[in-house]
Amino acid sequence: MSARAVASREAGTACIAGPRFEIARGDPEYPAALEALSKPPETLYLIGDTQALQEGLAVVGARNATPYGRSAARLLAGCAARMGICVISGGARGCDSYAHEAAIEAGGRTVAFLGGGCDVVYPSCNKGLFNRIVESGGAVVSEHPWNFPPKPYTFRARNRLIASLARATLVVEAGVPSGTFSTADEALAANKDVLAVPGSIFSPTSRGSNALIAQGAGPVVDEAEFEELLTRLFPEKAYPNGRAAQLTMLFSREEGGCAAPSTGGSSSALKACDDSGGLVISALRADPMRLEQLVEEFATGESGPFATVGDLMACVGRLEALGVIERFPDGRFGCMRAT
């Protein structure tokens, strides 16, 4: 079976324009990530592009966001979208709205999970935003049927869907307790990564994010560090960069060397290729290796080119995503040969 298209219907002045679908469990469009829930929705109701239902980054925060929170949501969601990562949020006022808008402005995709039916615009002030989400190739989604009004209890249930579809959750601002904090709880319960933006100890809307950092969430201190975190979490993502020509030269220097990638890479991925990653490429050009052999070859810490094993693994993942190296059936990594 496949997602069932639904005839468009008007919902008064709150109608969201766009193709409508009902996606049942077992349909190819149903996200595999949601199957991990103890009680996955039997049906998802969607307006927009079903292809937008992909694993991404959840960006959530306070409805009564401070200027700091709004700016952080815009900056970080835009950064993720430019890397080709789908931005997932709850369509609420405040940080959610700023995250969706930033993803659209960056030319990326974004998905809004609503607390009511996805043809019932709530909050009503976000009608324009929801239409822009659909127009930009994203989707507005709900587990509730058409015309279902939002209830207080449906938002907590909605949060579990956000956390489940996301590979990681970024908390921009959160009070304690709060709906935002509950999304982080759902992510932690699913053993997924949680990131948080530190805030003032005097700000009520930063108590939740600060508490999460104290409990072990990854702190996001600036855009460059955030991009590096995303590169580790989403090593398969690459986006155009002007230094792609340098990368091509690197892999074309030797006859019979590694094939140059067919597409450009992110700034972080390219750094891996022309700095420490070049050492990995040279080693694999000489002899394919298993991951444990690479770890042994490239000592981590002060004595090696990689600070941690995680950095080495992220580099290998980026090079594989770029099509520079490949994993052989026996588990070894080696250079992709030019054709």
Protein backbone atom coordinates (compact mmCIF):
# COMPACT_ATOMS: atom_id res chain seq x y z
CA MET A 1 0.00 0.00 0.00
CA SER A 2 0.96 3.64 -0.26
CA ALA A 3 -0.14 6.92 1.28
CA ARG A 4 -3.73 7.71 0.35
CA ALA A 5 -4.33 11.12 -1.21
CA VAL A 6 -7.30 12.94 0.28
CA ALA A 7 -9.48 15.44 -1.53
CA SER A 8 -8.79 18.98 -0.35
CA ARG A 9 -11.46 20.40 1.90
CA GLU A 10 -12.00 23.88 3.17
CA ALA A 11 -11.77 24.55 6.89
CA GLY A 12 -13.09 28.09 6.89
CA THR A 13 -10.47 30.80 6.93
CA ALA A 14 -7.97 28.49 8.63
CA CYS A 15 -7.42 26.24 5.60
CA ILE A 16 -3.86 25.20 4.73
CA ALA A 17 -3.39 24.82 0.99
CA GLY A 18 -1.61 21.79 -0.37
CA PRO A 19 -1.96 18.08 -1.13
CA ARG A 20 -3.38 15.98 1.71
CA PHE A 21 -2.48 12.44 2.59
CA GLU A 22 -3.35 9.74 5.08
CA ILE A 23 -0.35 7.50 5.78
CA ALA A 24 -1.05 4.21 7.54
CA ARG A 25 1.46 1.96 9.29
CA GLY A 26 2.86 -0.36 6.67
CA ASP A 27 2.78 2.27 3.94
CA PRO A 28 6.22 2.95 2.43
CA GLU A 29 5.91 6.61 3.39
CA TYR A 30 5.38 5.82 7.08
CA PRO A 31 8.55 6.85 8.96
CA ALA A 32 10.48 3.87 10.29
CA ALA A 33 11.62 6.00 13.24
CA LEU A 34 8.06 6.16 14.59
CA GLU A 35 7.82 2.37 14.69
CA ALA A 36 10.17 2.46 17.70
CA LEU A 37 7.42 4.06 19.80
CA SER A 38 5.58 1.82 22.24
CA LYS A 39 2.31 2.92 20.61
CA PRO A 40 2.99 4.31 17.13
CA PRO A 41 0.14 6.23 15.49
CA GLU A 42 -1.88 3.93 13.26
CA THR A 43 -2.34 6.77 10.78
CA LEU A 44 -0.57 10.04 10.09
CA TYR A 45 -2.46 12.91 8.51
CA LEU A 46 -0.33 15.21 6.41
CA ILE A 47 -0.56 18.32 4.28
CA GLY A 48 2.45 18.82 2.02
CA ASP A 49 5.18 16.51 0.74
CA THR A 50 5.32 13.01 2.21
CA GLN A 51 9.06 12.93 1.44
CA ALA A 52 9.55 15.56 4.14
CA LEU A 53 8.90 12.88 6.78
CA GLN A 54 12.58 12.14 7.18
CA GLU A 55 14.89 11.82 10.14
CA GLY A 56 16.05 15.30 11.11
CA LEU A 57 16.83 17.69 13.93
CA ALA A 58 14.13 18.73 16.39
CA VAL A 59 14.43 22.39 17.38
CA VAL A 60 12.14 23.25 20.28
CA GLY A 61 11.85 26.06 22.77
CA ALA A 62 9.67 28.30 24.87
CA ARG A 63 6.49 29.84 23.48
CA ASN A 64 7.24 33.02 25.42
CA ALA A 65 10.71 33.14 23.97
CA THR A 66 13.13 35.88 24.90
CA PRO A 67 14.95 37.86 22.18
CA TYR A 68 17.96 35.65 22.97
CA GLY A 69 15.92 32.50 22.42
CA ARG A 70 14.38 33.75 19.19
CA SER A 71 17.80 34.69 17.81
CA ALA A 72 19.31 31.35 18.82
CA ALA A 73 16.43 29.41 17.24
CA ARG A 74 16.83 31.30 13.96
CA LEU A 75 20.61 30.96 13.88
CA LEU A 76 20.79 27.26 14.70
CA ALA A 77 17.78 26.08 12.69
CA GLY A 78 19.12 27.97 9.69
CA CYS A 79 22.51 26.33 10.12
CA ALA A 80 20.92 22.86 10.16
CA ALA A 81 18.74 23.60 7.13
CA ARG A 82 21.72 24.80 5.09
CA MET A 83 23.37 21.44 5.78
CA GLY A 84 20.34 19.71 4.27
CA ILE A 85 18.96 18.56 7.62
CA CYS A 86 15.18 18.64 8.00
CA VAL A 87 14.12 20.89 10.89
CA ILE A 88 11.33 19.36 12.97
CA SER A 89 9.28 21.33 15.49
CA GLY A 90 5.82 21.81 16.90
CA GLY A 91 4.46 24.82 15.04
CA ALA A 92 3.89 26.76 18.26
CA ARG A 93 4.53 30.43 18.89
CA GLY A 94 8.00 31.49 19.97
CA CYS A 95 11.05 29.34 19.31
CA ASP A 96 9.15 26.77 17.21
CA SER A 97 7.95 29.42 14.76
CA TYR A 98 11.38 31.02 14.48
CA ALA A 99 12.96 27.63 13.79
CA HIS A 100 10.46 26.84 11.02
CA GLU A 101 10.91 30.29 9.45
CA ALA A 102 14.70 30.04 9.53
CA ALA A 103 14.63 26.65 7.82
CA ILE A 104 12.43 28.02 5.05
CA GLU A 105 14.61 31.11 4.59
CA ALA A 106 17.69 28.86 4.35
CA GLY A 107 16.07 26.91 1.52
CA GLY A 108 15.60 23.78 3.61
CA ARG A 109 12.72 21.54 4.58
CA THR A 110 10.81 21.73 7.82
CA VAL A 111 8.06 19.64 9.41
CA ALA A 112 5.51 20.88 11.95
CA PHE A 113 3.73 18.35 14.18
CA LEU A 114 0.48 19.86 15.42
CA GLY A 115 -1.50 19.14 18.57
CA GLY A 116 -4.79 19.01 16.66
CA GLY A 117 -5.79 17.94 13.19
CA CYS A 118 -3.36 19.32 10.63
CA ASP A 119 -6.17 21.20 8.90
CA VAL A 120 -7.02 23.02 12.16
CA VAL A 121 -4.63 25.94 12.41
CA TYR A 122 -3.46 26.44 15.98
CA PRO A 123 -2.29 28.94 16.89
CA SER A 124 -4.36 30.85 14.34
CA CYS A 125 -1.60 33.44 13.93
CA ASN A 126 0.55 30.74 12.27
CA LYS A 127 -1.72 30.15 9.28
CA GLY A 128 0.74 31.96 7.01
CA LEU A 129 3.68 30.04 8.45
CA PHE A 130 2.01 26.66 7.93
CA ASN A 131 1.26 27.54 4.31
CA ARG A 132 4.88 28.58 3.77
CA ILE A 133 6.05 25.28 5.28
CA VAL A 134 3.99 23.39 2.69
CA GLU A 135 4.94 25.69 -0.19
CA SER A 136 8.64 25.21 0.56
CA GLY A 137 8.47 21.42 0.30
CA GLY A 138 7.84 20.63 3.95
CA ALA A 139 4.80 19.23 5.70
CA VAL A 140 2.29 19.87 8.46
CA VAL A 141 1.54 16.58 10.24
CA SER A 142 -0.74 15.19 12.94
CA GLU A 143 -1.71 11.83 14.39
CA HIS A 144 -5.24 13.17 14.82
CA PRO A 145 -7.89 13.03 12.09
CA TRP A 146 -9.06 15.97 10.03
CA ASN A 147 -10.95 18.69 11.91
CA PHE A 148 -9.81 17.35 15.32
CA PRO A 149 -9.56 20.30 17.73
CA PRO A 150 -6.39 20.55 19.84
CA LYS A 151 -6.72 19.56 23.50
CA PRO A 152 -4.33 20.20 26.41
CA TYR A 153 -3.33 16.53 26.54
CA THR A 154 -2.61 16.24 22.81
CA PHE A 155 0.47 18.46 22.91
CA ARG A 156 2.45 16.18 25.22
CA ALA A 157 1.57 13.27 22.92
CA ARG A 158 2.66 15.39 19.94
CA ASN A 159 6.05 15.94 21.58
CA ARG A 160 6.84 12.22 21.51
CA LEU A 161 6.41 12.25 17.71
CA ILE A 162 8.81 15.18 17.35
CA ALA A 163 11.44 13.45 19.50
CA SER A 164 10.94 10.12 17.74
CA LEU A 165 11.30 11.38 14.17
CA ALA A 166 14.35 13.47 15.10
CA ARG A 167 17.82 11.95 15.26
CA ALA A 168 18.64 14.58 17.89
CA THR A 169 16.74 17.26 19.79
CA LEU A 170 17.97 20.81 20.30
CA VAL A 171 16.42 22.70 23.23
CA VAL A 172 16.79 26.45 22.71
CA GLU A 173 14.91 27.68 25.79
CA ALA A 174 12.82 25.78 28.30
CA GLY A 175 11.25 26.40 31.65
CA VAL A 176 10.82 23.70 34.29
CA PRO A 177 8.38 22.09 33.91
CA SER A 178 7.38 22.82 30.32
CA GLY A 179 6.27 21.18 27.10
CA THR A 180 9.73 21.81 25.67
CA PHE A 181 11.31 19.96 28.58
CA SER A 182 8.94 17.05 27.97
CA THR A 183 10.20 16.78 24.38
CA ALA A 184 13.74 16.44 25.72
CA ASP A 185 12.50 13.79 28.17
CA GLU A 186 10.99 11.84 25.27
CA ALA A 187 14.27 12.05 23.34
CA LEU A 188 16.28 10.87 26.34
CA ALA A 189 13.84 8.01 26.92
CA ALA A 190 14.42 6.96 23.31
CA ASN A 191 18.20 7.07 23.90
CA LYS A 192 18.65 9.92 21.44
CA ASP A 193 21.04 12.84 21.58
CA VAL A 194 19.89 16.03 23.29
CA LEU A 195 21.59 19.38 22.75
CA ALA A 196 20.83 22.57 24.65
CA VAL A 197 21.62 26.26 24.40
CA PRO A 198 22.96 27.58 27.73
CA GLY A 199 21.29 30.68 29.08
CA SER A 200 21.33 33.12 31.95
CA ILE A 201 20.90 31.66 35.42
CA PHE A 202 18.49 34.53 36.04
CA SER A 203 16.20 33.64 33.12
CA PRO A 204 13.23 31.35 33.89
CA THR A 205 13.15 30.27 30.24
CA SER A 206 16.72 28.97 30.48
CA ARG A 207 16.29 26.88 33.62
CA GLY A 208 15.29 23.82 31.63
CA SER A 209 18.09 24.05 29.08
CA ASN A 210 20.68 24.73 31.79
CA ALA A 211 19.36 21.76 33.77
CA LEU A 212 19.67 19.53 30.71
CA ILE A 213 23.29 20.56 30.23
CA ALA A 214 23.95 19.79 33.89
CA GLN A 215 22.47 16.33 33.27
CA GLY A 216 24.73 15.69 30.29
CA ALA A 217 23.08 17.31 27.26
CA GLY A 218 25.52 18.65 24.68
CA PRO A 219 25.99 22.41 25.13
CA VAL A 220 25.75 24.56 21.99
CA VAL A 221 28.03 27.54 22.53
CA ASP A 222 28.44 28.94 19.01
CA GLU A 223 27.57 28.30 15.37
CA ALA A 224 30.90 26.70 14.44
CA GLU A 225 30.69 24.21 17.32
CA PHE A 226 27.08 23.49 16.42
CA GLU A 227 27.99 22.75 12.81
CA GLU A 228 30.63 20.31 14.01
CA LEU A 229 28.10 18.62 16.29
CA LEU A 230 25.69 18.27 13.37
CA THR A 231 28.43 16.86 11.17
CA ARG A 232 28.99 14.11 13.73
CA LEU A 233 25.28 13.45 14.11
CA PHE A 234 24.52 13.62 10.37
CA PRO A 235 27.77 12.54 8.65
CA GLU A 236 25.90 11.70 5.46
CA LYS A 237 24.85 15.30 4.90
CA ALA A 238 26.90 17.40 2.50
CA TYR A 239 26.16 20.80 1.05
CA PRO A 240 27.85 22.91 -1.70
CA ASN A 241 30.98 24.81 -0.81
CA GLY A 242 33.41 26.83 -2.90
CA ARG A 243 36.33 24.67 -1.78
CA ALA A 244 35.04 21.65 -3.71
CA ALA A 245 37.63 22.37 -6.42
CA GLN A 246 40.41 22.00 -3.83
CA LEU A 247 38.93 18.67 -2.80
CA THR A 248 38.90 17.46 -6.41
CA MET A 249 42.57 18.37 -6.77
CA LEU A 250 43.43 16.46 -3.60
CA PHE A 251 42.04 13.20 -4.98
CA SER A 252 43.35 13.71 -8.52
CA ARG A 253 47.04 14.20 -7.69
CA GLU A 254 48.03 10.58 -8.11
CA GLU A 255 47.16 8.31 -10.98
CA GLY A 256 44.99 5.54 -9.66
CA GLY A 257 44.22 7.48 -6.50
CA CYS A 258 40.86 7.93 -4.83
CA ALA A 259 37.98 9.09 -6.96
CA ALA A 260 36.95 12.68 -6.49
CA PRO A 261 33.46 13.07 -5.02
CA SER A 262 30.70 13.85 -7.46
CA THR A 263 29.22 16.57 -5.24
CA GLY A 264 30.54 19.28 -2.98
CA GLY A 265 30.86 18.82 0.76
CA SER A 266 30.18 20.80 3.89
CA SER A 267 32.90 23.01 5.27
CA SER A 268 33.45 20.48 8.07
CA ALA A 269 33.60 17.58 5.62
CA LEU A 270 36.06 19.40 3.42
CA LYS A 271 38.23 20.25 6.40
CA ALA A 272 38.37 16.52 7.13
CA CYS A 273 39.48 15.86 3.56
CA ASP A 274 42.25 18.44 3.24
CA ASP A 275 43.63 18.19 6.79
CA SER A 276 43.50 15.11 9.04
CA GLY A 277 41.18 13.38 6.59
CA GLY A 278 43.95 13.46 4.02
CA LEU A 279 45.98 11.16 6.26
CA VAL A 280 43.07 8.72 6.37
CA ILE A 281 42.79 8.81 2.59
CA SER A 282 46.52 8.19 2.13
CA ALA A 283 46.41 5.22 4.51
CA LEU A 284 43.39 3.68 2.78
CA ARG A 285 44.95 4.28 -0.63
CA ALA A 286 47.85 2.07 0.46
CA ASP A 287 45.82 -0.62 2.17
CA PRO A 288 42.09 -1.02 3.08
CA MET A 289 41.48 -1.16 6.83
CA ARG A 290 38.77 -1.99 9.32
CA LEU A 291 37.57 0.74 11.65
CA GLU A 292 39.48 -0.72 14.60
CA GLN A 293 42.64 -0.72 12.48
CA LEU A 294 42.10 2.95 11.68
CA VAL A 295 41.71 3.68 15.38
CA GLU A 296 44.99 1.87 16.05
CA GLU A 297 46.72 3.60 13.13
CA PHE A 298 45.64 7.09 14.12
CA ALA A 299 46.21 7.50 17.84
CA THR A 300 43.71 9.90 19.33
CA GLY A 301 44.37 12.65 21.82
CA GLU A 302 47.47 14.82 22.00
CA SER A 303 49.63 12.29 20.13
CA GLY A 304 47.38 11.92 17.08
CA PRO A 305 45.57 13.95 14.43
CA PHE A 306 42.15 13.29 15.97
CA ALA A 307 41.14 14.49 19.42
CA THR A 308 38.78 11.55 20.04
CA VAL A 309 37.71 8.27 18.48
CA GLY A 310 34.40 10.00 17.75
CA ASP A 311 36.23 12.59 15.63
CA LEU A 312 37.91 9.83 13.63
CA MET A 313 34.61 7.99 13.14
CA ALA A 314 32.91 11.23 12.05
CA CYS A 315 35.70 11.85 9.53
CA VAL A 316 35.34 8.34 8.09
CA GLY A 317 31.57 8.83 7.86
CA ARG A 318 31.96 12.15 6.06
CA LEU A 319 34.44 10.72 3.53
CA GLU A 320 32.12 7.78 2.88
CA ALA A 321 29.14 10.12 2.41
CA LEU A 322 31.15 12.19 -0.06
CA GLY A 323 31.90 9.09 -2.14
CA VAL A 324 35.64 9.29 -1.52
CA ILE A 325 35.95 6.01 0.39
CA GLU A 326 33.71 2.97 0.53
CA ARG A 327 32.99 0.10 2.89
CA PHE A 328 33.75 -3.29 1.37
CA PRO A 329 31.60 -6.40 2.04
CA ASP A 330 34.23 -7.70 4.47
CA GLY A 331 33.87 -4.57 6.61
CA ARG A 332 37.09 -2.86 5.55
CA PHE A 333 37.20 0.72 4.29
CA GLY A 334 39.11 1.60 1.14
CA CYS A 335 39.41 4.30 -1.49
CA MET A 336 36.65 4.52 -4.07
CA ARG A 337 38.45 3.87 -7.33
CA ALA A 338 38.05 6.38 -10.15
CA THR A 339 35.98 5.06 -13.07
